[in-house]
């Protein structure tokens, strides 16, 4: 079943100039998670096995499988047997018949991997689908972005244990973090955030996303789908992420650290 810690204990050996010692290390858990819609498996992602209902809900929304949370009728999380003997989890969703028909028409088969949100997409058109334009309006202050990013580590309870998970957080206009989710995959963390926001209904206008990773095309696309005014990353953006942010009307801020930040798209939305 769903594991709240996202971590497991594993033996290890530390080798130094003075010799070796046995360790009991806490490491991030990574398992295959199948998203099953109305009985049909659609995507298999490698993910941290916590907040999986949020993950499924957010993935469904940011991938436009459903248009609104009410079109998801039920979510069940079940451990399942894997032929190799490893652990697998099925997240079974019941969605509106109209949305299921649309999903079948797309005939997409995703095979996600940690750090890659486009693996297994069956065409270039599917990979580079039209970008959702963020409906957010307003400005974000530099101080709010720096406050949100500085606050993020205190909310990373899983990363404190294993040091291997990314985080995605939703910040209010003043930089107060409202919701944070973690996963070994940065895209998964953002999907979990989206699912949590849909349930809590706390994504107020003027809010923005902060992430502890680089910023890729799909990260921007998912943030825009959530209605974010901006996405701020601790590391670098890609060229396609910048182009996508420009099209989506979302500010893209990167290298938020050490008292500085760099704005790559819609700089007019970031104020001192």
C-alpha atoms as a PDB file:
ATOM      1  CA  UNK A   1       0.000   0.000   0.000  1.00  0.00           C
ATOM      2  CA  UNK A   2       0.904   3.688  -0.107  1.00  0.00           C
ATOM      3  CA  UNK A   3       4.100   4.351   1.867  1.00  0.00           C
ATOM      4  CA  UNK A   4       4.083   7.679   3.718  1.00  0.00           C
ATOM      5  CA  UNK A   5       7.852   7.849   4.162  1.00  0.00           C
ATOM      6  CA  UNK A   6       8.917   7.194   0.560  1.00  0.00           C
ATOM      7  CA  UNK A   7      12.101   5.637   1.945  1.00  0.00           C
ATOM      8  CA  UNK A   8      13.545   2.218   2.748  1.00  0.00           C
ATOM      9  CA  UNK A   9      16.561   0.980   4.737  1.00  0.00           C
ATOM     10  CA  UNK A  10      19.419  -0.631   2.791  1.00  0.00           C
ATOM     11  CA  UNK A  11      22.831  -1.907   3.990  1.00  0.00           C
ATOM     12  CA  UNK A  12      25.905  -0.186   2.561  1.00  0.00           C
ATOM     13  CA  UNK A  13      29.669   0.000   3.052  1.00  0.00           C
ATOM     14  CA  UNK A  14      31.518   3.275   3.483  1.00  0.00           C
ATOM     15  CA  UNK A  15      35.110   3.076   2.256  1.00  0.00           C
ATOM     16  CA  UNK A  16      37.672   5.614   3.452  1.00  0.00           C
ATOM     17  CA  UNK A  17      41.440   5.873   3.696  1.00  0.00           C
ATOM     18  CA  UNK A  18      41.125   4.555   7.236  1.00  0.00           C
ATOM     19  CA  UNK A  19      39.168   1.447   6.302  1.00  0.00           C
ATOM     20  CA  UNK A  20      35.500   0.559   5.914  1.00  0.00           C
ATOM     21  CA  UNK A  21      32.369   0.590   8.013  1.00  0.00           C
ATOM     22  CA  UNK A  22      28.926  -0.965   7.666  1.00  0.00           C
ATOM     23  CA  UNK A  23      26.001   1.408   7.356  1.00  0.00           C
ATOM     24  CA  UNK A  24      22.234   1.215   7.546  1.00  0.00           C
ATOM     25  CA  UNK A  25      21.341   3.764   4.872  1.00  0.00           C
ATOM     26  CA  UNK A  26      17.948   5.351   4.265  1.00  0.00           C
ATOM     27  CA  UNK A  27      17.376   5.592   0.500  1.00  0.00           C
ATOM     28  CA  UNK A  28      14.546   6.883  -1.666  1.00  0.00           C
ATOM     29  CA  UNK A  29      12.043   4.237  -2.689  1.00  0.00           C
ATOM     30  CA  UNK A  30      11.351   4.027  -6.411  1.00  0.00           C
ATOM     31  CA  UNK A  31       8.668   1.718  -7.773  1.00  0.00           C
ATOM     32  CA  UNK A  32       6.741   1.168 -10.986  1.00  0.00           C
ATOM     33  CA  UNK A  33       3.361   2.886 -10.769  1.00  0.00           C
ATOM     34  CA  UNK A  34       0.731   2.029 -13.376  1.00  0.00           C
ATOM     35  CA  UNK A  35      -2.071   4.507 -13.987  1.00  0.00           C
ATOM     36  CA  UNK A  36      -5.125   2.529 -15.019  1.00  0.00           C
ATOM     37  CA  UNK A  37      -8.155   4.353 -16.433  1.00  0.00           C
ATOM     38  CA  UNK A  38     -11.500   2.559 -16.461  1.00  0.00           C
ATOM     39  CA  UNK A  39      -9.687  -0.779 -16.435  1.00  0.00           C
ATOM     40  CA  UNK A  40      -7.159   0.112 -19.167  1.00  0.00           C
ATOM     41  CA  UNK A  41      -3.490   0.711 -18.298  1.00  0.00           C
ATOM     42  CA  UNK A  42      -2.370   3.988 -19.860  1.00  0.00           C
ATOM     43  CA  UNK A  43       0.954   4.944 -18.295  1.00  0.00           C
ATOM     44  CA  UNK A  44       3.682   3.346 -16.200  1.00  0.00           C
ATOM     45  CA  UNK A  45       5.910   5.768 -14.332  1.00  0.00           C
ATOM     46  CA  UNK A  46       8.770   5.243 -11.924  1.00  0.00           C
ATOM     47  CA  UNK A  47       7.786   7.148  -8.798  1.00  0.00           C
ATOM     48  CA  UNK A  48       8.051   7.471  -5.038  1.00  0.00           C
ATOM     49  CA  UNK A  49       5.135   5.508  -3.520  1.00  0.00           C
ATOM     50  CA  UNK A  50       3.515   8.264  -1.463  1.00  0.00           C
ATOM     51  CA  UNK A  51       0.737  10.734  -2.295  1.00  0.00           C
ATOM     52  CA  UNK A  52      -0.179   8.531  -5.240  1.00  0.00           C
ATOM     53  CA  UNK A  53      -3.798   9.681  -5.348  1.00  0.00           C
ATOM     54  CA  UNK A  54      -2.500  13.231  -5.740  1.00  0.00           C
ATOM     55  CA  UNK A  55      -0.130  11.981  -8.436  1.00  0.00           C
ATOM     56  CA  UNK A  56      -2.889  10.293 -10.419  1.00  0.00           C
ATOM     57  CA  UNK A  57      -5.233  13.246 -10.098  1.00  0.00           C
ATOM     58  CA  UNK A  58      -2.568  15.787 -11.062  1.00  0.00           C
ATOM     59  CA  UNK A  59      -1.289  13.715 -13.986  1.00  0.00           C
ATOM     60  CA  UNK A  60      -4.838  13.379 -15.286  1.00  0.00           C
ATOM     61  CA  UNK A  61      -5.343  17.147 -15.144  1.00  0.00           C
ATOM     62  CA  UNK A  62      -1.980  18.337 -16.475  1.00  0.00           C
ATOM     63  CA  UNK A  63      -2.018  15.751 -19.281  1.00  0.00           C
ATOM     64  CA  UNK A  64      -5.580  16.838 -20.138  1.00  0.00           C
ATOM     65  CA  UNK A  65      -6.990  13.370 -19.734  1.00  0.00           C
ATOM     66  CA  UNK A  66      -9.747  15.092 -17.778  1.00  0.00           C
ATOM     67  CA  UNK A  67     -10.704  18.755 -17.884  1.00  0.00           C
ATOM     68  CA  UNK A  68     -11.704  19.140 -14.240  1.00  0.00           C
ATOM     69  CA  UNK A  69     -11.367  17.163 -10.995  1.00  0.00           C
ATOM     70  CA  UNK A  70     -15.072  16.268 -10.908  1.00  0.00           C
ATOM     71  CA  UNK A  71     -14.557  14.071 -13.982  1.00  0.00           C
ATOM     72  CA  UNK A  72     -12.530  11.696 -11.789  1.00  0.00           C
ATOM     73  CA  UNK A  73     -15.091   9.581  -9.958  1.00  0.00           C
ATOM     74  CA  UNK A  74     -12.857   7.277  -7.932  1.00  0.00           C
ATOM     75  CA  UNK A  75      -9.184   6.473  -7.265  1.00  0.00           C
ATOM     76  CA  UNK A  76      -7.872   3.255  -5.714  1.00  0.00           C
ATOM     77  CA  UNK A  77      -4.227   2.459  -4.927  1.00  0.00           C
ATOM     78  CA  UNK A  78      -3.261  -1.224  -4.851  1.00  0.00           C
ATOM     79  CA  UNK A  79       0.016  -3.123  -4.577  1.00  0.00           C
ATOM     80  CA  UNK A  80       0.367  -5.648  -7.376  1.00  0.00           C
ATOM     81  CA  UNK A  81       2.636  -8.585  -8.169  1.00  0.00           C
ATOM     82  CA  UNK A  82       5.419  -8.074 -10.703  1.00  0.00           C
ATOM     83  CA  UNK A  83       6.867 -11.063 -12.565  1.00  0.00           C
ATOM     84  CA  UNK A  84      10.415 -10.046 -11.658  1.00  0.00           C
ATOM     85  CA  UNK A  85       9.471 -10.216  -7.986  1.00  0.00           C
ATOM     86  CA  UNK A  86       9.735  -6.473  -7.473  1.00  0.00           C
ATOM     87  CA  UNK A  87       7.110  -4.157  -6.087  1.00  0.00           C
ATOM     88  CA  UNK A  88       4.543  -2.597  -8.377  1.00  0.00           C
ATOM     89  CA  UNK A  89       1.555  -0.394  -7.675  1.00  0.00           C
ATOM     90  CA  UNK A  90      -1.614   0.135  -9.684  1.00  0.00           C
ATOM     91  CA  UNK A  91      -3.535   3.366  -9.316  1.00  0.00           C
ATOM     92  CA  UNK A  92      -6.995   2.688 -10.706  1.00  0.00           C
ATOM     93  CA  UNK A  93      -9.096   5.634 -11.755  1.00  0.00           C
ATOM     94  CA  UNK A  94     -12.701   5.771 -12.838  1.00  0.00           C
ATOM     95  CA  UNK A  95     -13.257   8.742 -15.115  1.00  0.00           C
ATOM     96  CA  UNK A  96     -16.136  10.164 -17.130  1.00  0.00           C
ATOM     97  CA  UNK A  97     -17.049   8.088 -20.183  1.00  0.00           C
ATOM     98  CA  UNK A  98     -16.558  11.065 -22.502  1.00  0.00           C
ATOM     99  CA  UNK A  99     -13.012  11.599 -21.239  1.00  0.00           C
ATOM    100  CA  UNK A 100     -12.246   7.902 -21.515  1.00  0.00           C
ATOM    101  CA  UNK A 101     -13.386   7.942 -25.128  1.00  0.00           C
ATOM    102  CA  UNK A 102     -11.060  10.857 -25.799  1.00  0.00           C
ATOM    103  CA  UNK A 103      -8.184   9.050 -24.105  1.00  0.00           C
ATOM    104  CA  UNK A 104      -8.683   5.992 -26.282  1.00  0.00           C
ATOM    105  CA  UNK A 105      -8.701   8.165 -29.400  1.00  0.00           C
ATOM    106  CA  UNK A 106      -5.325   9.589 -28.520  1.00  0.00           C
ATOM    107  CA  UNK A 107      -3.872   6.049 -28.578  1.00  0.00           C
ATOM    108  CA  UNK A 108      -0.954   7.129 -26.484  1.00  0.00           C
ATOM    109  CA  UNK A 109       1.302   4.738 -24.646  1.00  0.00           C
ATOM    110  CA  UNK A 110       3.611   6.380 -22.102  1.00  0.00           C
ATOM    111  CA  UNK A 111       6.563   4.622 -20.499  1.00  0.00           C
ATOM    112  CA  UNK A 112       7.847   7.204 -18.055  1.00  0.00           C
ATOM    113  CA  UNK A 113      11.230   7.214 -16.375  1.00  0.00           C
ATOM    114  CA  UNK A 114      12.663   9.286 -13.579  1.00  0.00           C
ATOM    115  CA  UNK A 115      13.553  12.724 -14.933  1.00  0.00           C
ATOM    116  CA  UNK A 116      11.887  12.185 -18.316  1.00  0.00           C
ATOM    117  CA  UNK A 117       8.278  13.121 -18.863  1.00  0.00           C
ATOM    118  CA  UNK A 118       8.012  12.397 -22.584  1.00  0.00           C
ATOM    119  CA  UNK A 119       9.317   8.836 -22.844  1.00  0.00           C
ATOM    120  CA  UNK A 120       7.105   6.574 -24.939  1.00  0.00           C
ATOM    121  CA  UNK A 121       5.013   9.289 -26.599  1.00  0.00           C
ATOM    122  CA  UNK A 122       4.160   7.883 -29.986  1.00  0.00           C
ATOM    123  CA  UNK A 123       4.562  10.960 -32.221  1.00  0.00           C
ATOM    124  CA  UNK A 124       6.157  14.391 -32.394  1.00  0.00           C
ATOM    125  CA  UNK A 125       2.697  15.953 -32.459  1.00  0.00           C
ATOM    126  CA  UNK A 126       1.856  14.187 -29.203  1.00  0.00           C
ATOM    127  CA  UNK A 127       5.115  15.279 -27.619  1.00  0.00           C
ATOM    128  CA  UNK A 128       4.814  18.922 -28.644  1.00  0.00           C
ATOM    129  CA  UNK A 129       1.088  19.380 -28.209  1.00  0.00           C
ATOM    130  CA  UNK A 130      -0.406  22.899 -27.960  1.00  0.00           C
ATOM    131  CA  UNK A 131       0.496  24.700 -24.761  1.00  0.00           C
ATOM    132  CA  UNK A 132      -2.196  25.610 -22.259  1.00  0.00           C
ATOM    133  CA  UNK A 133      -2.142  29.370 -21.741  1.00  0.00           C
ATOM    134  CA  UNK A 134      -2.120  30.273 -18.060  1.00  0.00           C
ATOM    135  CA  UNK A 135      -5.124  32.333 -17.030  1.00  0.00           C
ATOM    136  CA  UNK A 136      -3.189  33.959 -14.181  1.00  0.00           C
ATOM    137  CA  UNK A 137      -2.813  37.721 -14.166  1.00  0.00           C
ATOM    138  CA  UNK A 138      -0.722  39.977 -11.965  1.00  0.00           C
ATOM    139  CA  UNK A 139       2.858  40.374 -10.836  1.00  0.00           C
ATOM    140  CA  UNK A 140       5.242  38.384  -8.644  1.00  0.00           C
ATOM    141  CA  UNK A 141       7.854  40.045  -6.468  1.00  0.00           C
ATOM    142  CA  UNK A 142      11.439  38.886  -6.344  1.00  0.00           C
ATOM    143  CA  UNK A 143      11.151  38.791  -2.546  1.00  0.00           C
ATOM    144  CA  UNK A 144       8.181  36.384  -2.764  1.00  0.00           C
ATOM    145  CA  UNK A 145      10.088  34.020  -5.044  1.00  0.00           C
ATOM    146  CA  UNK A 146      13.144  34.038  -2.807  1.00  0.00           C
ATOM    147  CA  UNK A 147      10.985  33.527   0.282  1.00  0.00           C
ATOM    148  CA  UNK A 148       9.198  30.532  -1.236  1.00  0.00           C
ATOM    149  CA  UNK A 149      12.419  28.885  -2.402  1.00  0.00           C
ATOM    150  CA  UNK A 150      14.128  29.486   0.945  1.00  0.00           C
ATOM    151  CA  UNK A 151      11.162  27.912   2.744  1.00  0.00           C
ATOM    152  CA  UNK A 152      11.038  24.820   0.545  1.00  0.00           C
ATOM    153  CA  UNK A 153      13.707  22.691   2.328  1.00  0.00           C
ATOM    154  CA  UNK A 154      11.775  22.817   5.605  1.00  0.00           C
ATOM    155  CA  UNK A 155       8.812  21.179   3.851  1.00  0.00           C
ATOM    156  CA  UNK A 156      10.854  18.372   2.276  1.00  0.00           C
ATOM    157  CA  UNK A 157      10.281  15.707   4.912  1.00  0.00           C
ATOM    158  CA  UNK A 158      11.131  12.828   2.563  1.00  0.00           C
ATOM    159  CA  UNK A 159      14.298  14.445   1.247  1.00  0.00           C
ATOM    160  CA  UNK A 160      15.440  15.008   4.833  1.00  0.00           C
ATOM    161  CA  UNK A 161      15.477  11.226   5.236  1.00  0.00           C
ATOM    162  CA  UNK A 162      17.021  10.118   1.962  1.00  0.00           C
ATOM    163  CA  UNK A 163      18.450  13.183   0.198  1.00  0.00           C
ATOM    164  CA  UNK A 164      17.184  11.983  -3.186  1.00  0.00           C
ATOM    165  CA  UNK A 165      13.772  13.516  -3.875  1.00  0.00           C
ATOM    166  CA  UNK A 166      12.684  16.613  -5.753  1.00  0.00           C
ATOM    167  CA  UNK A 167       9.996  18.939  -4.450  1.00  0.00           C
ATOM    168  CA  UNK A 168       7.355  21.111  -6.101  1.00  0.00           C
ATOM    169  CA  UNK A 169       5.517  23.735  -4.107  1.00  0.00           C
ATOM    170  CA  UNK A 170       2.652  26.156  -4.663  1.00  0.00           C
ATOM    171  CA  UNK A 171       3.281  29.599  -3.219  1.00  0.00           C
ATOM    172  CA  UNK A 172       0.789  32.356  -2.543  1.00  0.00           C
ATOM    173  CA  UNK A 173       1.472  35.806  -3.971  1.00  0.00           C
ATOM    174  CA  UNK A 174       3.506  36.779  -0.901  1.00  0.00           C
ATOM    175  CA  UNK A 175       5.735  33.704  -1.158  1.00  0.00           C
ATOM    176  CA  UNK A 176       4.034  31.634   1.554  1.00  0.00           C
ATOM    177  CA  UNK A 177       4.136  27.952   0.630  1.00  0.00           C
ATOM    178  CA  UNK A 178       0.628  26.498   0.608  1.00  0.00           C
ATOM    179  CA  UNK A 179       1.246  22.913  -0.560  1.00  0.00           C
ATOM    180  CA  UNK A 180       4.440  20.910  -1.198  1.00  0.00           C
ATOM    181  CA  UNK A 181       4.830  17.438  -2.701  1.00  0.00           C
ATOM    182  CA  UNK A 182       7.929  15.274  -3.271  1.00  0.00           C
ATOM    183  CA  UNK A 183       9.048  12.499  -5.604  1.00  0.00           C
ATOM    184  CA  UNK A 184      12.201  11.040  -7.122  1.00  0.00           C
ATOM    185  CA  UNK A 185      10.930  12.419 -10.435  1.00  0.00           C
ATOM    186  CA  UNK A 186      10.567  16.164 -10.771  1.00  0.00           C
ATOM    187  CA  UNK A 187       7.590  15.819 -13.132  1.00  0.00           C
ATOM    188  CA  UNK A 188       5.925  13.446 -10.677  1.00  0.00           C
ATOM    189  CA  UNK A 189       6.389  15.924  -7.830  1.00  0.00           C
ATOM    190  CA  UNK A 190       4.671  18.597  -9.909  1.00  0.00           C
ATOM    191  CA  UNK A 191       1.801  16.251 -10.800  1.00  0.00           C
ATOM    192  CA  UNK A 192       1.380  15.363  -7.123  1.00  0.00           C
ATOM    193  CA  UNK A 193       1.245  19.071  -6.363  1.00  0.00           C
ATOM    194  CA  UNK A 194      -1.437  19.550  -8.996  1.00  0.00           C
ATOM    195  CA  UNK A 195      -3.527  16.756  -7.540  1.00  0.00           C
ATOM    196  CA  UNK A 196      -3.212  18.124  -4.017  1.00  0.00           C
ATOM    197  CA  UNK A 197      -4.220  21.603  -5.184  1.00  0.00           C
ATOM    198  CA  UNK A 198      -7.288  20.195  -6.926  1.00  0.00           C
ATOM    199  CA  UNK A 199      -8.476  18.566  -3.704  1.00  0.00           C
ATOM    200  CA  UNK A 200      -7.642  21.419  -1.351  1.00  0.00           C
ATOM    201  CA  UNK A 201      -8.796  24.126  -3.790  1.00  0.00           C
ATOM    202  CA  UNK A 202      -6.148  26.559  -2.506  1.00  0.00           C
ATOM    203  CA  UNK A 203      -4.526  27.625  -5.789  1.00  0.00           C
ATOM    204  CA  UNK A 204      -5.555  31.267  -5.489  1.00  0.00           C
ATOM    205  CA  UNK A 205      -4.905  33.783  -8.306  1.00  0.00           C
ATOM    206  CA  UNK A 206      -1.398  35.210  -8.245  1.00  0.00           C
ATOM    207  CA  UNK A 207       0.177  32.012  -7.004  1.00  0.00           C
ATOM    208  CA  UNK A 208       3.268  30.442  -8.511  1.00  0.00           C
ATOM    209  CA  UNK A 209       5.228  27.177  -8.569  1.00  0.00           C
ATOM    210  CA  UNK A 210       8.706  26.571  -7.127  1.00  0.00           C
ATOM    211  CA  UNK A 211      10.731  23.439  -7.937  1.00  0.00           C
ATOM    212  CA  UNK A 212      14.016  21.979  -6.699  1.00  0.00           C
ATOM    213  CA  UNK A 213      15.250  20.962 -10.135  1.00  0.00           C
ATOM    214  CA  UNK A 214      16.049  22.198 -13.581  1.00  0.00           C
ATOM    215  CA  UNK A 215      13.124  23.505 -15.607  1.00  0.00           C
ATOM    216  CA  UNK A 216      12.116  21.545 -18.692  1.00  0.00           C
ATOM    217  CA  UNK A 217       9.414  22.015 -21.310  1.00  0.00           C
ATOM    218  CA  UNK A 218       6.971  19.758 -19.553  1.00  0.00           C
ATOM    219  CA  UNK A 219       7.503  21.398 -16.172  1.00  0.00           C
ATOM    220  CA  UNK A 220       6.423  24.714 -17.670  1.00  0.00           C
ATOM    221  CA  UNK A 221       3.480  23.110 -19.432  1.00  0.00           C
ATOM    222  CA  UNK A 222       2.234  21.504 -16.233  1.00  0.00           C
ATOM    223  CA  UNK A 223       2.660  24.726 -14.233  1.00  0.00           C
ATOM    224  CA  UNK A 224       0.677  26.627 -16.855  1.00  0.00           C
ATOM    225  CA  UNK A 225      -2.072  23.995 -16.728  1.00  0.00           C
ATOM    226  CA  UNK A 226      -2.312  24.645 -12.984  1.00  0.00           C
ATOM    227  CA  UNK A 227      -2.864  28.347 -13.630  1.00  0.00           C
ATOM    228  CA  UNK A 228       0.450  29.479 -12.175  1.00  0.00           C
ATOM    229  CA  UNK A 229       1.665  33.023 -12.743  1.00  0.00           C
ATOM    230  CA  UNK A 230       5.283  31.858 -12.750  1.00  0.00           C
ATOM    231  CA  UNK A 231       7.503  28.835 -12.289  1.00  0.00           C
ATOM    232  CA  UNK A 232      10.735  29.292 -10.358  1.00  0.00           C
ATOM    233  CA  UNK A 233      13.484  26.668 -10.444  1.00  0.00           C
ATOM    234  CA  UNK A 234      16.643  26.276  -8.419  1.00  0.00           C
ATOM    235  CA  UNK A 235      18.569  25.152 -11.509  1.00  0.00           C
ATOM    236  CA  UNK A 236      18.731  25.869 -15.254  1.00  0.00           C
ATOM    237  CA  UNK A 237      15.952  25.974 -17.864  1.00  0.00           C
ATOM    238  CA  UNK A 238      16.060  24.418 -21.316  1.00  0.00           C
ATOM    239  CA  UNK A 239      15.521  26.393 -24.519  1.00  0.00           C
ATOM    240  CA  UNK A 240      12.177  24.699 -25.131  1.00  0.00           C
ATOM    241  CA  UNK A 241      11.084  25.486 -21.584  1.00  0.00           C
ATOM    242  CA  UNK A 242      11.731  29.177 -22.271  1.00  0.00           C
ATOM    243  CA  UNK A 243       9.834  29.083 -25.565  1.00  0.00           C
ATOM    244  CA  UNK A 244       6.947  27.263 -23.892  1.00  0.00           C
ATOM    245  CA  UNK A 245       6.794  29.801 -21.068  1.00  0.00           C
ATOM    246  CA  UNK A 246       6.653  32.631 -23.595  1.00  0.00           C
ATOM    247  CA  UNK A 247       3.752  30.953 -25.384  1.00  0.00           C
ATOM    248  CA  UNK A 248       1.942  30.061 -22.172  1.00  0.00           C
ATOM    249  CA  UNK A 249       2.152  33.550 -20.695  1.00  0.00           C
ATOM    250  CA  UNK A 250       3.973  32.284 -17.619  1.00  0.00           C
ATOM    251  CA  UNK A 251       7.111  33.826 -16.160  1.00  0.00           C
ATOM    252  CA  UNK A 252      10.097  31.471 -16.048  1.00  0.00           C
ATOM    253  CA  UNK A 253      12.633  32.141 -13.311  1.00  0.00           C
ATOM    254  CA  UNK A 254      15.725  29.990 -12.777  1.00  0.00           C
ATOM    255  CA  UNK A 255      18.905  29.800 -10.694  1.00  0.00           C
ATOM    256  CA  UNK A 256      17.000  30.999  -7.636  1.00  0.00           C
ATOM    257  CA  UNK A 257      19.791  30.760  -5.069  1.00  0.00           C
ATOM    258  CA  UNK A 258      22.415  32.714  -3.205  1.00  0.00           C
ATOM    259  CA  UNK A 259      20.370  35.913  -3.251  1.00  0.00           C
ATOM    260  CA  UNK A 260      19.976  36.064  -7.017  1.00  0.00           C
ATOM    261  CA  UNK A 261      17.695  34.815  -9.771  1.00  0.00           C
ATOM    262  CA  UNK A 262      17.504  34.950 -13.565  1.00  0.00           C
ATOM    263  CA  UNK A 263      14.287  35.619 -15.481  1.00  0.00           C
ATOM    264  CA  UNK A 264      14.088  33.951 -18.913  1.00  0.00           C
ATOM    265  CA  UNK A 265      10.482  34.613 -19.957  1.00  0.00           C
ATOM    266  CA  UNK A 266       7.929  37.334 -19.194  1.00  0.00           C
ATOM    267  CA  UNK A 267      10.315  39.415 -17.116  1.00  0.00           C
ATOM    268  CA  UNK A 268       7.645  42.122 -16.970  1.00  0.00           C
ATOM    269  CA  UNK A 269       5.783  39.954 -14.469  1.00  0.00           C
ATOM    270  CA  UNK A 270       8.651  39.925 -11.948  1.00  0.00           C
ATOM    271  CA  UNK A 271       9.101  43.057  -9.864  1.00  0.00           C
ATOM    272  CA  UNK A 272      11.655  44.072  -7.256  1.00  0.00           C
END
